[in-house]
N, C-alpha and C. Protein backbone atom coordinates (compact mmCIF):
# COMPACT_ATOMS: atom_id res chain seq x y z
N MET A 1 32.27 -94.66 -173.45
CA MET A 1 31.94 -95.79 -172.90
C MET A 1 30.33 -96.61 -173.40
N LYS A 2 30.64 -97.60 -173.41
CA LYS A 2 29.17 -98.70 -174.52
C LYS A 2 27.73 -98.66 -173.34
N ASP A 3 27.09 -98.15 -173.98
CA ASP A 3 25.73 -98.41 -173.36
C ASP A 3 25.38 -99.40 -173.80
N THR A 4 25.38 -100.74 -172.48
CA THR A 4 25.28 -101.96 -173.29
C THR A 4 23.21 -102.41 -173.18
N THR A 5 22.86 -101.62 -172.50
CA THR A 5 21.68 -102.11 -171.96
C THR A 5 20.78 -101.95 -173.28
N SER A 6 20.57 -101.53 -174.38
CA SER A 6 20.04 -101.67 -175.79
C SER A 6 19.98 -102.40 -176.48
N GLN A 7 21.29 -103.64 -175.96
CA GLN A 7 21.69 -104.97 -176.56
C GLN A 7 20.97 -105.89 -176.28
N TRP A 8 20.39 -105.90 -175.50
CA TRP A 8 19.62 -106.77 -174.51
C TRP A 8 18.28 -106.74 -174.54
N PRO A 9 18.20 -108.47 -173.58
CA PRO A 9 16.50 -108.54 -174.32
C PRO A 9 16.19 -107.68 -172.77
N ALA A 10 14.21 -106.73 -172.91
CA ALA A 10 13.85 -106.51 -171.67
C ALA A 10 14.39 -106.62 -170.00
N GLU A 11 14.15 -108.30 -170.51
CA GLU A 11 14.37 -108.81 -168.80
C GLU A 11 15.93 -108.06 -168.26
N GLN A 12 16.52 -107.93 -169.24
CA GLN A 12 18.10 -107.58 -168.52
C GLN A 12 18.73 -106.45 -169.10
N ARG A 13 16.99 -105.23 -169.09
CA ARG A 13 17.43 -103.89 -169.13
C ARG A 13 17.92 -103.02 -167.60
N ARG A 14 17.69 -104.02 -166.82
CA ARG A 14 17.39 -103.70 -165.39
C ARG A 14 19.12 -103.81 -164.85
N MET A 15 19.99 -103.56 -166.08
CA MET A 15 21.54 -103.90 -165.96
C MET A 15 22.29 -102.41 -165.21
N HIS A 16 22.61 -102.96 -164.51
CA HIS A 16 23.17 -101.81 -163.95
C HIS A 16 24.59 -101.64 -163.61
N GLY A 17 25.39 -100.71 -164.55
CA GLY A 17 27.04 -100.79 -164.78
C GLY A 17 26.72 -100.98 -166.63
N ARG A 18 28.02 -100.27 -166.43
CA ARG A 18 28.56 -100.45 -167.93
C ARG A 18 30.13 -100.71 -168.41
N PHE A 19 30.08 -101.22 -169.82
CA PHE A 19 31.37 -101.88 -169.72
C PHE A 19 32.11 -101.87 -171.28
N GLU A 20 33.08 -102.08 -171.90
CA GLU A 20 33.84 -101.94 -173.28
C GLU A 20 34.57 -102.68 -173.42
N LEU A 21 34.87 -103.43 -174.67
CA LEU A 21 36.22 -104.08 -174.64
C LEU A 21 36.79 -104.09 -175.46
N ASP A 22 37.77 -104.02 -175.81
CA ASP A 22 38.88 -103.94 -177.21
C ASP A 22 40.03 -105.11 -176.76
N ILE A 23 40.68 -105.59 -177.88
CA ILE A 23 41.78 -106.31 -177.70
C ILE A 23 42.65 -105.44 -178.45
N ASP A 24 43.96 -105.37 -177.69
CA ASP A 24 45.48 -105.46 -178.19
C ASP A 24 46.39 -106.17 -178.16
N GLY A 25 47.00 -106.98 -179.33
CA GLY A 25 48.04 -108.32 -179.30
C GLY A 25 47.05 -108.96 -178.04
N ARG A 26 48.12 -109.39 -177.03
CA ARG A 26 47.46 -110.48 -176.04
C ARG A 26 46.64 -110.26 -174.95
N ILE A 27 46.57 -108.84 -174.71
CA ILE A 27 45.80 -108.33 -173.76
C ILE A 27 43.91 -107.59 -174.31
N LEU A 28 43.74 -108.06 -173.17
CA LEU A 28 42.15 -107.78 -173.01
C LEU A 28 41.53 -106.64 -172.36
N ILE A 29 41.01 -105.18 -173.02
CA ILE A 29 41.22 -103.71 -172.60
C ILE A 29 39.75 -104.21 -172.16
N SER A 30 39.58 -104.08 -170.61
CA SER A 30 38.18 -104.10 -170.06
C SER A 30 38.03 -102.87 -169.35
N ARG A 31 37.28 -101.76 -169.78
CA ARG A 31 36.36 -100.81 -169.29
C ARG A 31 35.53 -100.68 -169.01
N THR A 32 35.24 -100.61 -167.00
CA THR A 32 34.10 -100.78 -166.43
C THR A 32 33.72 -99.75 -165.40
N TRP A 33 32.63 -99.53 -165.57
CA TRP A 33 31.96 -98.23 -164.64
C TRP A 33 31.18 -98.97 -163.98
N GLY A 34 31.00 -98.97 -162.54
CA GLY A 34 30.06 -99.09 -161.64
C GLY A 34 29.23 -98.68 -161.16
N PRO A 35 28.10 -98.99 -160.40
CA PRO A 35 27.76 -99.97 -159.60
C PRO A 35 28.05 -101.33 -160.87
N TRP A 36 27.69 -102.48 -159.97
CA TRP A 36 27.32 -103.57 -161.15
C TRP A 36 26.35 -104.40 -160.47
N ASN A 37 25.74 -105.22 -161.20
CA ASN A 37 24.62 -106.32 -160.53
C ASN A 37 25.29 -106.90 -161.49
N LEU A 38 23.94 -108.05 -161.45
CA LEU A 38 24.19 -110.04 -162.03
C LEU A 38 24.06 -109.36 -163.57
N GLU A 39 22.92 -108.74 -163.99
CA GLU A 39 22.73 -108.91 -165.12
C GLU A 39 23.88 -107.93 -165.83
N CYS A 40 24.24 -107.39 -165.26
CA CYS A 40 25.60 -106.74 -166.09
C CYS A 40 26.83 -107.29 -166.27
N VAL A 41 27.22 -108.06 -164.98
CA VAL A 41 28.28 -109.07 -165.32
C VAL A 41 28.29 -110.34 -166.09
N GLN A 42 26.68 -110.54 -166.28
CA GLN A 42 25.99 -111.75 -167.12
C GLN A 42 26.47 -111.31 -168.47
N ALA A 43 26.02 -109.85 -168.93
CA ALA A 43 26.11 -109.51 -170.33
C ALA A 43 27.49 -109.42 -170.80
N TYR A 44 28.68 -108.91 -169.42
CA TYR A 44 29.78 -108.83 -169.70
C TYR A 44 30.80 -110.16 -169.94
N HIS A 45 30.38 -110.87 -169.26
CA HIS A 45 30.72 -112.29 -169.62
C HIS A 45 30.48 -113.12 -170.81
N GLU A 46 29.25 -112.78 -171.36
CA GLU A 46 28.46 -113.34 -172.40
C GLU A 46 29.78 -112.36 -173.92
N GLU A 47 29.87 -110.98 -173.33
CA GLU A 47 30.78 -109.88 -174.60
C GLU A 47 32.28 -110.69 -174.17
N THR A 48 33.10 -111.28 -173.36
CA THR A 48 33.90 -111.46 -173.40
C THR A 48 34.54 -112.77 -173.87
N ASN A 49 33.56 -113.41 -173.32
CA ASN A 49 33.36 -115.00 -174.20
C ASN A 49 33.43 -114.87 -175.93
N ARG A 50 32.90 -114.21 -176.50
CA ARG A 50 33.66 -113.62 -177.82
C ARG A 50 34.52 -113.30 -177.72
N LYS A 51 34.98 -111.57 -177.03
CA LYS A 51 36.31 -111.47 -177.92
C LYS A 51 37.13 -112.34 -177.50
N VAL A 52 37.21 -113.20 -176.36
CA VAL A 52 38.65 -113.67 -176.08
C VAL A 52 38.89 -115.24 -177.01
N GLN A 53 37.88 -115.96 -178.06
CA GLN A 53 37.71 -116.80 -178.89
C GLN A 53 39.26 -116.33 -179.52
N SER A 54 39.51 -115.28 -179.72
CA SER A 54 40.89 -115.03 -180.88
C SER A 54 41.72 -114.92 -180.10
N LEU A 55 41.91 -114.76 -178.16
CA LEU A 55 43.23 -115.25 -177.39
C LEU A 55 42.94 -116.77 -177.33
N SER A 56 42.09 -117.32 -177.25
CA SER A 56 42.69 -119.04 -176.68
C SER A 56 43.40 -119.70 -177.62
N GLY A 57 44.19 -120.31 -177.22
CA GLY A 57 45.56 -121.46 -177.17
C GLY A 57 46.80 -120.83 -176.74
N ALA A 58 47.10 -119.60 -176.09
CA ALA A 58 48.13 -118.82 -176.02
C ALA A 58 48.07 -118.14 -174.65
N PRO A 59 48.76 -118.06 -173.86
CA PRO A 59 48.57 -116.59 -172.97
C PRO A 59 48.10 -115.88 -173.29
N TRP A 60 47.38 -115.03 -172.31
CA TRP A 60 46.67 -113.62 -172.36
C TRP A 60 46.29 -112.95 -170.86
N VAL A 61 46.35 -111.66 -171.48
CA VAL A 61 46.09 -110.97 -169.73
C VAL A 61 45.01 -109.82 -170.17
N VAL A 62 44.51 -109.41 -168.43
CA VAL A 62 43.44 -108.06 -168.77
C VAL A 62 44.05 -107.41 -168.43
N LEU A 63 43.84 -105.90 -168.70
CA LEU A 63 44.13 -104.41 -168.57
C LEU A 63 42.49 -104.13 -168.20
N ALA A 64 41.81 -104.20 -166.57
CA ALA A 64 41.06 -103.92 -166.22
C ALA A 64 41.11 -102.39 -165.97
N LEU A 65 40.54 -100.92 -166.62
CA LEU A 65 40.45 -99.84 -166.24
C LEU A 65 39.26 -99.89 -165.56
N VAL A 66 39.00 -99.48 -164.38
CA VAL A 66 37.76 -99.69 -163.30
C VAL A 66 37.34 -98.25 -163.22
N GLY A 67 36.72 -97.76 -163.29
CA GLY A 67 35.83 -96.14 -162.86
C GLY A 67 34.09 -96.65 -162.35
N GLY A 68 33.67 -95.64 -161.32
CA GLY A 68 32.15 -95.33 -161.08
C GLY A 68 32.48 -95.65 -159.71
N GLU A 69 31.00 -96.39 -159.15
CA GLU A 69 30.78 -96.96 -157.67
C GLU A 69 31.62 -98.03 -157.67
N PRO A 70 32.37 -98.22 -156.49
CA PRO A 70 32.61 -99.21 -156.46
C PRO A 70 32.23 -100.66 -155.89
N ILE A 71 30.81 -100.57 -156.07
CA ILE A 71 30.16 -101.73 -155.82
C ILE A 71 29.33 -103.01 -156.34
N HIS A 72 29.68 -104.08 -156.02
CA HIS A 72 29.00 -105.57 -156.64
C HIS A 72 28.16 -105.97 -155.85
N THR A 73 27.16 -106.39 -156.23
CA THR A 73 26.40 -107.59 -155.52
C THR A 73 26.98 -108.75 -155.11
N PRO A 74 26.31 -109.46 -154.29
CA PRO A 74 26.54 -111.28 -153.35
C PRO A 74 27.08 -111.83 -155.40
N GLN A 75 26.07 -111.51 -155.96
CA GLN A 75 25.83 -112.37 -157.00
C GLN A 75 26.43 -111.79 -158.17
N SER A 76 26.71 -110.55 -158.53
CA SER A 76 27.77 -110.31 -159.24
C SER A 76 29.44 -110.14 -159.05
N MET A 77 29.66 -110.70 -158.05
CA MET A 77 30.92 -110.69 -157.34
C MET A 77 31.24 -112.50 -157.98
N ALA A 78 29.94 -113.33 -157.96
CA ALA A 78 30.18 -114.95 -158.00
C ALA A 78 30.09 -115.03 -159.24
N GLU A 79 29.37 -114.15 -160.38
CA GLU A 79 29.84 -114.41 -161.48
C GLU A 79 30.95 -114.00 -162.18
N VAL A 80 31.94 -113.28 -161.34
CA VAL A 80 32.89 -112.50 -161.90
C VAL A 80 33.83 -113.35 -161.87
N VAL A 81 33.68 -114.29 -160.61
CA VAL A 81 34.71 -115.36 -159.95
C VAL A 81 34.42 -116.48 -161.31
N SER A 82 33.16 -116.95 -161.59
CA SER A 82 33.32 -117.60 -162.60
C SER A 82 33.67 -117.56 -163.91
N THR A 83 33.34 -116.00 -164.43
CA THR A 83 34.31 -115.41 -165.72
C THR A 83 35.20 -115.84 -165.72
N ILE A 84 35.96 -115.31 -164.62
CA ILE A 84 37.74 -115.41 -164.22
C ILE A 84 37.77 -117.31 -164.52
N ARG A 85 37.57 -117.92 -163.88
CA ARG A 85 37.70 -119.41 -164.04
C ARG A 85 37.73 -120.03 -165.24
N ASP A 86 36.46 -119.47 -166.06
CA ASP A 86 36.15 -119.62 -167.29
C ASP A 86 37.24 -119.64 -168.48
N HIS A 87 37.75 -117.79 -167.84
CA HIS A 87 38.93 -117.40 -168.96
C HIS A 87 40.43 -118.42 -168.74
N ARG A 88 40.40 -118.61 -167.31
CA ARG A 88 42.04 -119.62 -167.24
C ARG A 88 42.04 -120.64 -168.01
N ALA A 89 41.02 -121.13 -168.14
CA ALA A 89 40.78 -122.30 -169.00
C ALA A 89 41.57 -122.24 -170.45
N VAL A 90 41.31 -120.92 -170.57
CA VAL A 90 41.61 -121.02 -172.17
C VAL A 90 42.46 -119.84 -172.57
N GLY A 91 43.32 -119.85 -170.93
CA GLY A 91 44.74 -118.85 -171.42
C GLY A 91 44.64 -117.72 -170.79
N ARG A 92 43.95 -117.58 -170.31
CA ARG A 92 43.76 -116.21 -169.52
C ARG A 92 45.02 -116.10 -168.38
N CYS A 93 45.87 -115.57 -167.69
CA CYS A 93 46.81 -115.64 -166.87
C CYS A 93 47.23 -114.26 -165.59
N ALA A 94 46.82 -113.45 -165.96
CA ALA A 94 46.65 -112.28 -164.77
C ALA A 94 45.53 -111.67 -165.14
N THR A 95 45.77 -110.27 -164.21
CA THR A 95 44.87 -109.23 -164.28
C THR A 95 45.05 -108.12 -163.79
N ALA A 96 45.83 -107.27 -164.53
CA ALA A 96 46.19 -105.67 -163.64
C ALA A 96 45.36 -104.76 -163.37
N LEU A 97 44.48 -104.08 -162.33
CA LEU A 97 43.73 -103.12 -162.50
C LEU A 97 44.21 -101.82 -162.27
N VAL A 98 43.27 -101.06 -162.63
CA VAL A 98 43.59 -99.38 -162.79
C VAL A 98 42.59 -98.60 -162.20
N PHE A 99 42.45 -98.04 -161.20
CA PHE A 99 41.07 -97.45 -160.97
C PHE A 99 41.08 -95.74 -161.86
N VAL A 100 40.04 -95.76 -161.91
CA VAL A 100 39.82 -94.26 -163.04
C VAL A 100 39.05 -93.66 -162.29
N ASP A 101 39.21 -92.34 -162.36
CA ASP A 101 38.83 -91.37 -162.05
C ASP A 101 37.64 -91.54 -160.61
N ILE A 102 38.45 -92.56 -159.44
CA ILE A 102 37.98 -92.86 -157.85
C ILE A 102 39.14 -92.44 -156.92
N ASP A 103 38.31 -92.13 -156.03
CA ASP A 103 39.60 -90.64 -154.94
C ASP A 103 39.86 -92.35 -153.80
N VAL A 104 40.66 -91.80 -153.01
CA VAL A 104 41.74 -92.74 -152.58
C VAL A 104 40.82 -93.50 -151.38
N ASP A 105 40.21 -93.11 -150.69
CA ASP A 105 39.03 -93.92 -150.22
C ASP A 105 38.43 -95.01 -150.64
N ALA A 106 37.53 -94.52 -151.78
CA ALA A 106 37.08 -95.52 -152.69
C ALA A 106 37.61 -96.79 -153.08
N ARG A 107 39.15 -96.09 -153.65
CA ARG A 107 39.90 -97.20 -154.14
C ARG A 107 40.93 -98.31 -152.84
N ASN A 108 40.70 -97.69 -151.91
CA ASN A 108 41.24 -98.63 -150.93
C ASN A 108 39.31 -99.42 -150.37
N LEU A 109 38.50 -99.37 -150.64
CA LEU A 109 37.48 -100.35 -150.93
C LEU A 109 37.75 -101.08 -151.65
N MET A 110 37.60 -101.04 -153.31
CA MET A 110 37.77 -101.29 -154.29
C MET A 110 39.22 -102.91 -154.36
N ARG A 111 39.99 -101.82 -153.48
CA ARG A 111 41.31 -103.05 -153.92
C ARG A 111 40.47 -104.59 -152.25
N LEU A 112 39.72 -103.70 -151.23
CA LEU A 112 39.21 -105.02 -150.52
C LEU A 112 38.09 -105.97 -151.28
N MET A 113 37.34 -105.00 -152.29
CA MET A 113 36.37 -105.75 -152.70
C MET A 113 36.59 -107.10 -153.51
N LEU A 114 37.70 -105.99 -154.70
CA LEU A 114 37.82 -107.37 -155.42
C LEU A 114 39.29 -108.24 -155.41
N SER A 115 39.69 -108.13 -154.22
CA SER A 115 40.94 -109.06 -154.21
C SER A 115 40.45 -110.23 -153.94
N PRO A 116 39.55 -110.47 -153.33
CA PRO A 116 39.01 -112.00 -152.83
C PRO A 116 38.22 -112.59 -154.19
N MET A 117 37.55 -112.05 -155.02
CA MET A 117 37.48 -112.75 -156.62
C MET A 117 38.56 -112.77 -157.20
N TYR A 118 39.57 -112.50 -157.06
CA TYR A 118 40.81 -112.55 -158.20
C TYR A 118 41.33 -113.97 -157.25
N VAL A 119 41.31 -114.03 -156.39
CA VAL A 119 41.74 -114.86 -155.45
C VAL A 119 41.03 -116.48 -155.54
N GLN A 120 39.87 -116.07 -155.52
CA GLN A 120 39.06 -117.47 -155.41
C GLN A 120 39.05 -118.06 -156.87
N ALA A 121 39.49 -117.42 -157.56
CA ALA A 121 39.39 -117.71 -158.83
C ALA A 121 40.87 -117.77 -159.66
N GLY A 122 41.77 -117.96 -158.37
CA GLY A 122 43.14 -118.32 -158.43
C GLY A 122 43.95 -117.39 -159.76
N GLU A 123 43.75 -116.39 -159.58
CA GLU A 123 44.47 -115.16 -160.52
C GLU A 123 45.12 -114.54 -159.82
N PRO A 124 46.65 -114.42 -160.95
CA PRO A 124 47.36 -113.06 -160.47
C PRO A 124 47.04 -111.79 -160.85
N PHE A 125 46.81 -111.04 -160.01
CA PHE A 125 46.52 -109.77 -159.93
C PHE A 125 47.15 -108.45 -159.22
N TYR A 126 46.94 -107.38 -159.97
CA TYR A 126 48.28 -106.17 -159.13
C TYR A 126 47.11 -105.06 -159.63
N PHE A 127 46.68 -104.49 -158.49
CA PHE A 127 46.43 -102.72 -158.58
C PHE A 127 47.73 -102.08 -158.52
N ALA A 128 47.48 -101.22 -160.45
CA ALA A 128 48.64 -100.04 -160.45
C ALA A 128 47.84 -98.98 -160.37
N ASP A 129 48.62 -98.03 -160.05
CA ASP A 129 48.78 -96.49 -160.16
C ASP A 129 48.06 -96.02 -161.61
N ASP A 130 48.57 -96.58 -162.27
CA ASP A 130 48.81 -95.93 -163.98
C ASP A 130 48.53 -97.41 -165.25
N GLU A 131 47.65 -96.68 -166.05
CA GLU A 131 47.91 -97.47 -167.15
C GLU A 131 49.82 -98.06 -167.84
N SER A 132 50.75 -97.49 -167.92
CA SER A 132 51.75 -97.69 -167.78
C SER A 132 52.54 -99.09 -166.86
N THR A 133 52.42 -98.41 -165.67
CA THR A 133 52.20 -99.62 -164.67
C THR A 133 51.74 -100.99 -164.77
N ALA A 134 50.95 -100.90 -165.08
CA ALA A 134 49.89 -101.95 -165.03
C ALA A 134 50.44 -102.45 -166.71
N LEU A 135 50.60 -101.80 -167.71
CA LEU A 135 50.90 -102.68 -168.73
C LEU A 135 52.28 -103.63 -168.71
N ALA A 136 53.46 -102.92 -168.14
CA ALA A 136 54.46 -103.58 -167.66
C ALA A 136 54.63 -104.71 -166.75
N TRP A 137 53.69 -104.86 -165.81
CA TRP A 137 53.29 -105.62 -164.69
C TRP A 137 52.67 -106.94 -165.86
N LEU A 138 52.05 -106.76 -166.72
CA LEU A 138 50.81 -107.68 -167.94
C LEU A 138 52.02 -107.98 -168.53
N GLN A 139 52.89 -106.95 -169.28
CA GLN A 139 53.82 -108.03 -170.21
C GLN A 139 54.83 -108.70 -169.76
N ALA A 140 55.30 -108.88 -168.27
CA ALA A 140 56.31 -109.38 -167.69
C ALA A 140 55.36 -110.57 -167.15
N GLN A 141 54.18 -110.80 -166.92
CA GLN A 141 53.60 -111.96 -166.98
C GLN A 141 52.93 -112.75 -167.93
N LEU A 142 52.98 -112.26 -169.06
CA LEU A 142 52.76 -112.72 -170.34
C LEU A 142 54.06 -113.15 -170.76
N ALA A 143 55.72 -112.85 -170.61
CA ALA A 143 56.47 -113.37 -170.99
C ALA A 143 56.74 -115.00 -169.91
N GLU A 144 56.65 -114.59 -168.64
CA GLU A 144 56.43 -116.03 -167.89
C GLU A 144 55.64 -117.25 -168.09
N ALA A 145 54.63 -116.51 -168.38
CA ALA A 145 53.64 -117.79 -169.35
C ALA A 145 54.13 -118.44 -170.42
N SER A 146 54.24 -117.65 -171.33
CA SER A 146 55.21 -118.24 -172.77
C SER A 146 56.21 -118.88 -172.75
């Protein structure tokens, strides 16, 4: 996982959380490790904006691999909603989430915490138990959107 703290000005080095982003075809692969605060989510937003430029103009989806402590601040949650809305304007059409190295109780908490963000942003989303199930759902969403 990429340590993003060294990339940002000193005032943003208070960042809590880590992320790594890759693109595979029409899929943005997002690997995140919480807890997340506003500074981390803002850095994530800026990096995803750079990455999604190559995806704009046609439907694309997000595979979110989520690990770490399942905690967002209220400000970071609002920023995630804003990010999703921005990306939906340039073709984002769905997100599948897979929890990595998170126990069952924490997975349930994550579902409760994350679901309202996607609902508020108007984003179809799916919680999958594994990557292959998530990818199959995402491919169906891409086919429907195309």
